[in-house]
């Protein structure tokens, strides 16, 4: 089945919910960046969360960026999503490796380290909306939960999981975001809290063979969940030579002249997909002339 997000409501619109299945898109990211299992887990969780947050935006051209900046050896995680759930992302150090944590799991929190999460939403206004919070556990899901509570004042439950197989392939990947609306009753809150207590881990549920619909039904049991739509998601990089040229054109005139004076073609790699672009000296001169 294709990677997808299920969007749902429950308890007569007192709750909105999202569940994602994203094994293939993370496998794609792993292939682009040659990620270690630990880097796959860190980037994968971030991509899953960003994809669900992306479809929360209403405008067709809205864009979301999450930047996890910590003092850990992964040297940061950056992911972008649009309102259709399409994502891309990269880590500073794709070869990061650490001992398993005290739970005998990949130590994503240790890899990211202490630092901040910055959320940038480009909603087509003059200035993008930007919010920065301190990371709590650096395990991604808990940090997004904290972001929703503090920056958007929306009580939320976020679960994200990436299970890497012994051959380093992505075995399972998925997650959910459950949010209480302002009109949520105490009864609804109590039922939801009780349901969440019975959730072990998202990858354990996926390993049991549960689908995104099954997971939502489990989390929203006794709350009359209604599936609203299904959105196909993917890892897609929209880089192009034109974008690379625009980025180079934006650097200082002196720097551009210095590149031209070296009389060598310039090779530039896209951070998000590692695709390489080559610009000749003549192309660099055209960029300088157009400044």
Protein backbone atom coordinates (compact mmCIF):
# COMPACT_ATOMS: atom_id res chain seq x y z
CA UNK A 1 0.00 0.00 0.00
CA UNK A 2 1.18 3.54 -0.76
CA UNK A 3 2.42 5.74 2.05
CA UNK A 4 -0.50 7.84 3.22
CA UNK A 5 -2.10 9.95 5.92
CA UNK A 6 -5.59 9.30 7.22
CA UNK A 7 -7.35 12.41 8.46
CA UNK A 8 -10.16 11.86 10.97
CA UNK A 9 -12.41 13.50 13.52
CA UNK A 10 -13.96 12.04 16.65
CA UNK A 11 -16.34 12.82 19.51
CA UNK A 12 -18.51 15.06 17.32
CA UNK A 13 -15.54 17.16 16.19
CA UNK A 14 -14.10 17.57 19.70
CA UNK A 15 -11.00 15.77 18.40
CA UNK A 16 -9.09 15.91 15.16
CA UNK A 17 -6.67 13.12 14.31
CA UNK A 18 -4.03 12.14 11.78
CA UNK A 19 -2.27 8.81 11.26
CA UNK A 20 0.57 8.17 8.85
CA UNK A 21 2.16 5.15 7.23
CA UNK A 22 5.54 6.16 5.79
CA UNK A 23 7.93 3.23 5.39
CA UNK A 24 8.62 3.85 1.70
CA UNK A 25 9.32 7.59 1.97
CA UNK A 26 11.86 6.96 4.73
CA UNK A 27 13.47 4.19 2.70
CA UNK A 28 13.73 6.76 -0.10
CA UNK A 29 15.38 9.28 2.23
CA UNK A 30 17.79 6.60 3.42
CA UNK A 31 18.76 5.89 -0.18
CA UNK A 32 19.35 9.56 -1.01
CA UNK A 33 21.53 10.16 2.04
CA UNK A 34 23.08 6.73 2.76
CA UNK A 35 21.82 6.97 6.35
CA UNK A 36 22.88 4.85 9.30
CA UNK A 37 20.01 3.20 11.23
CA UNK A 38 20.23 5.96 13.87
CA UNK A 39 20.11 8.72 11.26
CA UNK A 40 17.20 6.93 9.53
CA UNK A 41 15.26 6.93 12.81
CA UNK A 42 15.95 10.62 13.56
CA UNK A 43 15.22 11.88 10.06
CA UNK A 44 12.35 9.42 9.63
CA UNK A 45 10.48 10.53 12.76
CA UNK A 46 10.93 14.16 11.72
CA UNK A 47 9.63 13.48 8.20
CA UNK A 48 6.57 11.65 9.56
CA UNK A 49 5.74 14.47 11.96
CA UNK A 50 6.28 17.19 9.36
CA UNK A 51 4.11 15.40 6.81
CA UNK A 52 1.15 15.29 9.22
CA UNK A 53 1.74 18.91 10.28
CA UNK A 54 1.88 19.89 6.61
CA UNK A 55 -1.61 18.63 5.85
CA UNK A 56 -2.93 20.69 8.77
CA UNK A 57 -2.20 23.81 6.70
CA UNK A 58 -5.01 25.05 4.48
CA UNK A 59 -3.36 26.91 1.60
CA UNK A 60 -2.26 25.00 -1.48
CA UNK A 61 1.13 26.77 -1.50
CA UNK A 62 1.70 26.72 2.27
CA UNK A 63 5.07 25.37 3.41
CA UNK A 64 6.36 24.10 6.74
CA UNK A 65 9.95 23.68 7.95
CA UNK A 66 11.13 21.95 11.14
CA UNK A 67 14.72 22.55 12.30
CA UNK A 68 16.05 20.46 15.18
CA UNK A 69 19.28 22.13 16.26
CA UNK A 70 21.08 20.37 19.10
CA UNK A 71 24.56 19.67 20.43
CA UNK A 72 24.44 15.98 19.50
CA UNK A 73 26.58 14.26 16.87
CA UNK A 74 23.88 14.19 14.19
CA UNK A 75 24.54 17.92 13.77
CA UNK A 76 20.91 18.92 13.28
CA UNK A 77 17.85 17.70 11.40
CA UNK A 78 15.97 19.81 8.83
CA UNK A 79 12.71 18.76 7.17
CA UNK A 80 10.21 20.55 4.94
CA UNK A 81 6.61 19.69 4.07
CA UNK A 82 3.81 21.14 1.99
CA UNK A 83 0.07 21.08 2.57
CA UNK A 84 -0.25 17.92 0.49
CA UNK A 85 1.96 15.90 2.84
CA UNK A 86 4.98 15.82 0.52
CA UNK A 87 8.24 16.00 2.46
CA UNK A 88 11.99 16.29 2.07
CA UNK A 89 14.79 16.53 4.60
CA UNK A 90 18.37 15.90 5.62
CA UNK A 91 20.62 15.52 8.66
CA UNK A 92 23.96 17.21 9.23
CA UNK A 93 25.77 13.91 9.80
CA UNK A 94 24.14 10.96 7.96
CA UNK A 95 26.81 8.57 9.27
CA UNK A 96 26.08 9.15 12.96
CA UNK A 97 26.39 6.09 15.18
CA UNK A 98 25.93 5.66 18.95
CA UNK A 99 25.33 2.93 21.50
CA UNK A 100 21.69 1.93 22.04
CA UNK A 101 19.97 3.87 24.82
CA UNK A 102 18.88 2.48 28.21
CA UNK A 103 15.72 1.07 26.60
CA UNK A 104 17.91 -0.83 24.12
CA UNK A 105 16.63 1.38 21.30
CA UNK A 106 18.26 3.73 18.79
CA UNK A 107 19.28 6.82 20.75
CA UNK A 108 17.62 9.57 18.71
CA UNK A 109 17.56 11.90 21.73
CA UNK A 110 21.28 11.50 22.25
CA UNK A 111 22.00 11.97 18.55
CA UNK A 112 20.09 15.28 18.39
CA UNK A 113 21.18 16.43 21.86
CA UNK A 114 20.14 19.50 23.84
CA UNK A 115 19.01 22.50 21.82
CA UNK A 116 16.00 23.99 20.07
CA UNK A 117 13.21 23.19 17.65
CA UNK A 118 12.27 25.95 15.22
CA UNK A 119 9.00 25.70 13.31
CA UNK A 120 8.62 27.94 10.27
CA UNK A 121 5.28 28.23 8.46
CA UNK A 122 5.20 30.08 5.15
CA UNK A 123 1.51 30.82 4.70
CA UNK A 124 1.89 33.30 1.84
CA UNK A 125 1.94 36.34 4.13
CA UNK A 126 4.61 39.07 4.17
CA UNK A 127 6.58 37.26 6.84
CA UNK A 128 6.56 33.56 7.70
CA UNK A 129 5.34 32.48 11.13
CA UNK A 130 8.34 31.34 13.20
CA UNK A 131 8.36 29.76 16.65
CA UNK A 132 11.35 28.37 18.56
CA UNK A 133 11.12 26.17 21.65
CA UNK A 134 13.67 24.34 23.76
CA UNK A 135 13.86 20.64 23.03
CA UNK A 136 12.47 18.46 25.81
CA UNK A 137 13.63 14.88 25.16
CA UNK A 138 14.97 15.41 21.60
CA UNK A 139 13.12 12.19 20.67
CA UNK A 140 11.02 14.26 18.18
CA UNK A 141 7.47 13.16 19.11
CA UNK A 142 7.63 14.61 22.64
CA UNK A 143 9.15 17.81 21.27
CA UNK A 144 6.31 18.24 18.77
CA UNK A 145 3.81 17.58 21.59
CA UNK A 146 5.47 20.36 23.59
CA UNK A 147 5.49 22.67 20.56
CA UNK A 148 1.74 22.24 20.00
CA UNK A 149 1.02 22.89 23.69
CA UNK A 150 3.20 25.99 24.05
CA UNK A 151 3.20 27.65 20.63
CA UNK A 152 -0.23 26.70 19.32
CA UNK A 153 -2.03 26.16 22.66
CA UNK A 154 -3.42 22.89 21.31
CA UNK A 155 -3.25 19.87 23.65
CA UNK A 156 -1.91 17.06 21.46
CA UNK A 157 -0.64 13.50 21.63
CA UNK A 158 2.12 12.74 19.11
CA UNK A 159 3.55 9.27 18.47
CA UNK A 160 6.21 8.58 15.85
CA UNK A 161 8.17 5.43 15.18
CA UNK A 162 10.73 4.04 12.74
CA UNK A 163 11.80 0.41 13.02
CA UNK A 164 15.04 -0.42 11.21
CA UNK A 165 15.60 -4.07 10.23
CA UNK A 166 18.83 -6.03 10.73
CA UNK A 167 19.78 -5.39 7.09
CA UNK A 168 19.34 -1.61 7.72
CA UNK A 169 16.16 -1.45 5.60
CA UNK A 170 13.12 0.32 7.01
CA UNK A 171 10.85 -2.37 8.44
CA UNK A 172 8.04 -0.20 9.84
CA UNK A 173 7.35 3.53 10.03
CA UNK A 174 4.30 5.43 11.13
CA UNK A 175 2.72 7.68 13.69
CA UNK A 176 -0.26 9.71 14.78
CA UNK A 177 -1.18 13.18 16.00
CA UNK A 178 -4.34 13.49 18.10
CA UNK A 179 -5.52 17.00 19.01
CA UNK A 180 -8.20 18.24 21.37
CA UNK A 181 -10.35 21.06 20.05
CA UNK A 182 -11.32 23.97 22.36
CA UNK A 183 -14.83 22.51 22.81
CA UNK A 184 -13.59 19.12 24.09
CA UNK A 185 -15.52 17.93 27.14
CA UNK A 186 -13.98 16.43 30.27
CA UNK A 187 -15.58 13.10 29.38
CA UNK A 188 -13.90 13.10 25.96
CA UNK A 189 -10.56 14.01 27.51
CA UNK A 190 -10.85 11.21 30.09
CA UNK A 191 -11.67 8.57 27.45
CA UNK A 192 -8.82 9.70 25.21
CA UNK A 193 -6.32 9.70 28.08
CA UNK A 194 -7.37 6.17 29.03
CA UNK A 195 -6.99 4.98 25.43
CA UNK A 196 -3.52 6.53 25.14
CA UNK A 197 -2.39 4.69 28.27
CA UNK A 198 -2.95 1.42 26.43
CA UNK A 199 -0.75 2.35 23.47
CA UNK A 200 2.70 0.79 23.81
CA UNK A 201 4.67 1.98 20.78
CA UNK A 202 3.61 2.81 17.25
CA UNK A 203 6.09 0.37 15.70
CA UNK A 204 4.79 -2.42 17.95
CA UNK A 205 1.28 -1.79 16.61
CA UNK A 206 2.55 -1.81 13.03
CA UNK A 207 4.47 -5.04 13.69
CA UNK A 208 1.20 -6.58 14.89
CA UNK A 209 -0.19 -5.80 11.43
CA UNK A 210 -2.40 -2.86 12.39
CA UNK A 211 -3.18 -0.37 9.61
CA UNK A 212 -3.46 3.38 10.04
CA UNK A 213 -7.23 2.94 10.31
CA UNK A 214 -6.81 0.25 12.97
CA UNK A 215 -4.49 2.50 14.95
CA UNK A 216 -6.91 5.44 14.84
CA UNK A 217 -9.76 3.17 15.89
CA UNK A 218 -7.65 1.94 18.82
CA UNK A 219 -6.59 5.40 19.96
CA UNK A 220 -10.11 6.81 19.47
CA UNK A 221 -12.03 3.84 20.85
CA UNK A 222 -15.45 4.81 22.27
CA UNK A 223 -15.10 8.26 20.67
CA UNK A 224 -16.90 7.54 17.36
CA UNK A 225 -14.01 8.21 14.95
CA UNK A 226 -14.91 9.26 11.41
CA UNK A 227 -12.33 8.97 8.61
CA UNK A 228 -12.48 12.16 6.54
CA UNK A 229 -9.96 11.49 3.77
CA UNK A 230 -6.78 9.72 2.70
CA UNK A 231 -3.77 11.69 1.46
CA UNK A 232 -0.92 9.97 -0.37
CA UNK A 233 2.50 11.12 0.87
CA UNK A 234 6.05 10.83 -0.45
CA UNK A 235 9.61 12.10 -0.18
CA UNK A 236 10.05 14.40 -3.18
CA UNK A 237 12.81 16.95 -3.74
CA UNK A 238 11.88 19.88 -5.98
CA UNK A 239 15.43 21.05 -6.63
CA UNK A 240 16.41 22.21 -10.13
CA UNK A 241 19.33 23.90 -11.86
CA UNK A 242 17.35 27.14 -11.89
CA UNK A 243 16.98 27.02 -8.09
CA UNK A 244 20.69 26.32 -7.68
CA UNK A 245 21.52 29.24 -9.98
CA UNK A 246 19.23 31.53 -7.97
CA UNK A 247 20.96 30.44 -4.76
CA UNK A 248 24.42 31.14 -6.19
CA UNK A 249 23.25 34.45 -7.65
CA UNK A 250 22.18 35.49 -4.15
CA UNK A 251 25.73 35.30 -2.74
CA UNK A 252 27.88 38.41 -2.62
CA UNK A 253 29.29 39.91 -5.80
CA UNK A 254 32.86 39.55 -4.55
CA UNK A 255 32.36 35.85 -3.82
CA UNK A 256 30.92 35.29 -7.28
CA UNK A 257 33.83 37.12 -8.90
CA UNK A 258 36.25 34.99 -6.88
CA UNK A 259 34.60 31.81 -8.19
CA UNK A 260 34.87 33.11 -11.77
CA UNK A 261 38.54 34.07 -11.34
CA UNK A 262 39.39 30.50 -10.38
CA UNK A 263 38.36 29.64 -13.96
CA UNK A 264 36.84 26.29 -12.94
CA UNK A 265 33.33 24.94 -13.23
CA UNK A 266 31.49 24.77 -9.92
CA UNK A 267 29.71 21.67 -8.64
CA UNK A 268 26.87 22.16 -6.16
CA UNK A 269 24.96 19.41 -4.33
CA UNK A 270 21.36 19.69 -3.15
CA UNK A 271 21.14 19.21 0.64
CA UNK A 272 17.83 17.38 0.35
CA UNK A 273 18.57 14.74 -2.28
CA UNK A 274 22.33 15.00 -2.96
CA UNK A 275 21.76 15.59 -6.67
CA UNK A 276 24.77 17.36 -8.17
CA UNK A 277 24.59 20.37 -10.49
CA UNK A 278 27.51 21.78 -12.49
CA UNK A 279 27.82 25.42 -13.52
CA UNK A 280 30.37 26.47 -16.13
CA UNK A 281 32.46 29.62 -15.87
CA UNK A 282 30.28 31.21 -18.58
CA UNK A 283 27.14 30.43 -16.58
CA UNK A 284 28.72 32.04 -13.52
CA UNK A 285 29.56 35.11 -15.60
CA UNK A 286 25.92 35.34 -16.75
CA UNK A 287 24.79 35.26 -13.13
CA UNK A 288 27.23 38.05 -12.28
CA UNK A 289 26.10 40.16 -15.25
CA UNK A 290 22.47 39.81 -14.19
CA UNK A 291 23.09 40.99 -10.63
